[in-house]
Amino acid sequence: MAPRLEHWSSHLGVATETWGIRPMKTKWGSCNPDKKIVWLNLELAKKPVRAIEYVLLHELAHLISPRHDERFIKVLDDNMPKWRSIRDELNQYPLAAWEDLQALAR
């Protein structure tokens, strides 16, 4: 993922202080814009490349605009016009927390 993170960082003109991959139960990624830290969900490694690209772009867009406001949406629209369909596809995959809840329900 490092080369793709570097690609998007360069393309958007932003830089992270640090980034990492870790298990996450409720999100595909996270960004702390103040500290410029990006975390990616370990489960992304099992997802289509387009989904990984979307999450990278989404999290790095938070370095331009911390909220999901018009400016943030414009970054996504300008750089990945089909991001909404990719997001919807990604969100069809279960996250670890949902799998845990399903196991408890059995």
C-alpha atoms as a PDB file:
ATOM      1  CA  MET A   1       0.000   0.000   0.000  1.00  0.00           C
ATOM      2  CA  ALA A   2       2.937   2.331   0.533  1.00  0.00           C
ATOM      3  CA  PRO A   3       3.415   3.146  -3.174  1.00  0.00           C
ATOM      4  CA  ARG A   4      -0.305   3.932  -3.553  1.00  0.00           C
ATOM      5  CA  LEU A   5      -0.267   6.089  -0.424  1.00  0.00           C
ATOM      6  CA  GLU A   6       2.726   7.962  -1.825  1.00  0.00           C
ATOM      7  CA  HIS A   7       0.937   8.347  -5.165  1.00  0.00           C
ATOM      8  CA  TRP A   8      -2.186   9.858  -3.625  1.00  0.00           C
ATOM      9  CA  SER A   9      -0.210  12.011  -1.186  1.00  0.00           C
ATOM     10  CA  SER A  10       1.806  13.467  -4.029  1.00  0.00           C
ATOM     11  CA  HIS A  11      -1.232  13.841  -6.278  1.00  0.00           C
ATOM     12  CA  LEU A  12      -3.194  15.707  -3.588  1.00  0.00           C
ATOM     13  CA  GLY A  13      -0.210  17.693  -2.349  1.00  0.00           C
ATOM     14  CA  VAL A  14      -0.517  16.412   1.220  1.00  0.00           C
ATOM     15  CA  ALA A  15       1.832  14.498   3.482  1.00  0.00           C
ATOM     16  CA  THR A  16       1.339  12.169   6.406  1.00  0.00           C
ATOM     17  CA  GLU A  17       3.614  12.177   9.427  1.00  0.00           C
ATOM     18  CA  THR A  18       2.995   8.484   9.837  1.00  0.00           C
ATOM     19  CA  TRP A  19       0.638   5.776   8.669  1.00  0.00           C
ATOM     20  CA  GLY A  20       0.015   2.188   9.519  1.00  0.00           C
ATOM     21  CA  ILE A  21      -2.113  -0.886   9.097  1.00  0.00           C
ATOM     22  CA  ARG A  22      -3.960  -2.450  11.999  1.00  0.00           C
ATOM     23  CA  PRO A  23      -7.041  -4.494  12.738  1.00  0.00           C
ATOM     24  CA  MET A  24     -10.074  -2.224  13.017  1.00  0.00           C
ATOM     25  CA  LYS A  25     -13.527  -3.441  13.979  1.00  0.00           C
ATOM     26  CA  THR A  26     -15.722  -0.603  12.739  1.00  0.00           C
ATOM     27  CA  LYS A  27     -13.892   1.367  10.024  1.00  0.00           C
ATOM     28  CA  TRP A  28     -11.957   0.797   6.813  1.00  0.00           C
ATOM     29  CA  GLY A  29      -9.572   3.594   7.712  1.00  0.00           C
ATOM     30  CA  SER A  30      -9.090   6.651   9.867  1.00  0.00           C
ATOM     31  CA  CYS A  31      -7.246   9.923   9.728  1.00  0.00           C
ATOM     32  CA  ASN A  32      -6.148  12.328  12.429  1.00  0.00           C
ATOM     33  CA  PRO A  33      -5.698  15.530  10.406  1.00  0.00           C
ATOM     34  CA  ASP A  34      -4.056  17.446  13.257  1.00  0.00           C
ATOM     35  CA  LYS A  35      -1.348  14.831  13.722  1.00  0.00           C
ATOM     36  CA  LYS A  36      -1.364  13.780  10.045  1.00  0.00           C
ATOM     37  CA  ILE A  37      -1.733  10.111  10.958  1.00  0.00           C
ATOM     38  CA  VAL A  38      -3.548   7.643   8.708  1.00  0.00           C
ATOM     39  CA  TRP A  39      -4.561   4.148   9.782  1.00  0.00           C
ATOM     40  CA  LEU A  40      -5.830   1.515   7.367  1.00  0.00           C
ATOM     41  CA  ASN A  41      -7.829  -1.558   8.288  1.00  0.00           C
ATOM     42  CA  LEU A  42      -5.894  -4.810   7.892  1.00  0.00           C
ATOM     43  CA  GLU A  43      -8.966  -6.340   6.222  1.00  0.00           C
ATOM     44  CA  LEU A  44      -8.482  -4.015   3.230  1.00  0.00           C
ATOM     45  CA  ALA A  45      -5.758  -6.366   2.006  1.00  0.00           C
ATOM     46  CA  LYS A  46      -8.550  -8.814   1.109  1.00  0.00           C
ATOM     47  CA  LYS A  47     -10.576  -6.253  -0.840  1.00  0.00           C
ATOM     48  CA  PRO A  48     -10.430  -5.177  -4.505  1.00  0.00           C
ATOM     49  CA  VAL A  49      -7.713  -2.693  -5.433  1.00  0.00           C
ATOM     50  CA  ARG A  50     -10.332  -0.058  -6.287  1.00  0.00           C
ATOM     51  CA  ALA A  51     -11.606  -0.252  -2.707  1.00  0.00           C
ATOM     52  CA  ILE A  52      -8.104   0.235  -1.298  1.00  0.00           C
ATOM     53  CA  GLU A  53      -7.593   3.201  -3.627  1.00  0.00           C
ATOM     54  CA  TYR A  54     -10.869   4.719  -2.455  1.00  0.00           C
ATOM     55  CA  VAL A  55      -9.993   4.370   1.243  1.00  0.00           C
ATOM     56  CA  LEU A  56      -6.550   5.874   0.670  1.00  0.00           C
ATOM     57  CA  LEU A  57      -8.045   8.832  -1.195  1.00  0.00           C
ATOM     58  CA  HIS A  58     -10.796   9.238   1.416  1.00  0.00           C
ATOM     59  CA  GLU A  59      -8.407   9.309   4.358  1.00  0.00           C
ATOM     60  CA  LEU A  60      -5.893  11.607   2.659  1.00  0.00           C
ATOM     61  CA  ALA A  61      -8.721  13.953   1.653  1.00  0.00           C
ATOM     62  CA  HIS A  62      -9.200  14.557   5.375  1.00  0.00           C
ATOM     63  CA  LEU A  63      -5.811  16.287   5.339  1.00  0.00           C
ATOM     64  CA  ILE A  64      -7.392  18.833   2.980  1.00  0.00           C
ATOM     65  CA  SER A  65     -10.708  19.037   4.804  1.00  0.00           C
ATOM     66  CA  PRO A  66     -11.217  17.259   8.140  1.00  0.00           C
ATOM     67  CA  ARG A  67     -14.992  17.007   7.738  1.00  0.00           C
ATOM     68  CA  HIS A  68     -17.160  15.400   5.085  1.00  0.00           C
ATOM     69  CA  ASP A  69     -18.041  18.842   3.757  1.00  0.00           C
ATOM     70  CA  GLU A  70     -18.320  20.219   0.226  1.00  0.00           C
ATOM     71  CA  ARG A  71     -14.569  20.709  -0.076  1.00  0.00           C
ATOM     72  CA  PHE A  72     -13.933  17.107   0.974  1.00  0.00           C
ATOM     73  CA  ILE A  73     -16.549  15.784  -1.479  1.00  0.00           C
ATOM     74  CA  LYS A  74     -14.992  17.877  -4.261  1.00  0.00           C
ATOM     75  CA  VAL A  75     -11.601  16.232  -3.640  1.00  0.00           C
ATOM     76  CA  LEU A  76     -13.225  12.814  -4.036  1.00  0.00           C
ATOM     77  CA  ASP A  77     -15.299  13.840  -7.057  1.00  0.00           C
ATOM     78  CA  ASP A  78     -12.312  15.424  -8.816  1.00  0.00           C
ATOM     79  CA  ASN A  79      -9.975  12.506  -8.203  1.00  0.00           C
ATOM     80  CA  MET A  80     -12.248   9.472  -8.320  1.00  0.00           C
ATOM     81  CA  PRO A  81     -15.548  10.243 -10.050  1.00  0.00           C
ATOM     82  CA  LYS A  82     -16.987   6.772  -9.292  1.00  0.00           C
ATOM     83  CA  TRP A  83     -16.076   6.866  -5.592  1.00  0.00           C
ATOM     84  CA  ARG A  84     -19.699   6.531  -4.449  1.00  0.00           C
ATOM     85  CA  SER A  85     -20.216   3.200  -6.196  1.00  0.00           C
ATOM     86  CA  ILE A  86     -16.850   1.951  -4.909  1.00  0.00           C
ATOM     87  CA  ARG A  87     -17.786   3.039  -1.370  1.00  0.00           C
ATOM     88  CA  ASP A  88     -21.129   1.282  -1.650  1.00  0.00           C
ATOM     89  CA  GLU A  89     -19.437  -1.897  -2.882  1.00  0.00           C
ATOM     90  CA  LEU A  90     -16.887  -1.773  -0.051  1.00  0.00           C
ATOM     91  CA  ASN A  91     -19.592  -1.239   2.535  1.00  0.00           C
ATOM     92  CA  GLN A  92     -21.288  -4.446   1.413  1.00  0.00           C
ATOM     93  CA  TYR A  93     -18.339  -6.361   2.872  1.00  0.00           C
ATOM     94  CA  PRO A  94     -18.645  -7.142   6.557  1.00  0.00           C
ATOM     95  CA  LEU A  95     -16.296  -5.567   9.064  1.00  0.00           C
ATOM     96  CA  ALA A  96     -14.886  -7.609  11.942  1.00  0.00           C
ATOM     97  CA  ALA A  97     -17.380  -6.119  14.422  1.00  0.00           C
ATOM     98  CA  TRP A  98     -20.321  -7.254  12.276  1.00  0.00           C
ATOM     99  CA  GLU A  99     -18.876 -10.746  11.965  1.00  0.00           C
ATOM    100  CA  ASP A 100     -18.476 -10.867  15.768  1.00  0.00           C
ATOM    101  CA  LEU A 101     -22.130  -9.830  16.221  1.00  0.00           C
ATOM    102  CA  GLN A 102     -23.311 -12.427  13.713  1.00  0.00           C
ATOM    103  CA  ALA A 103     -21.346 -15.149  15.541  1.00  0.00           C
ATOM    104  CA  LEU A 104     -22.939 -14.122  18.843  1.00  0.00           C
ATOM    105  CA  ALA A 105     -26.402 -14.259  17.308  1.00  0.00           C
ATOM    106  CA  ARG A 106     -25.981 -17.901  16.271  1.00  0.00           C
END
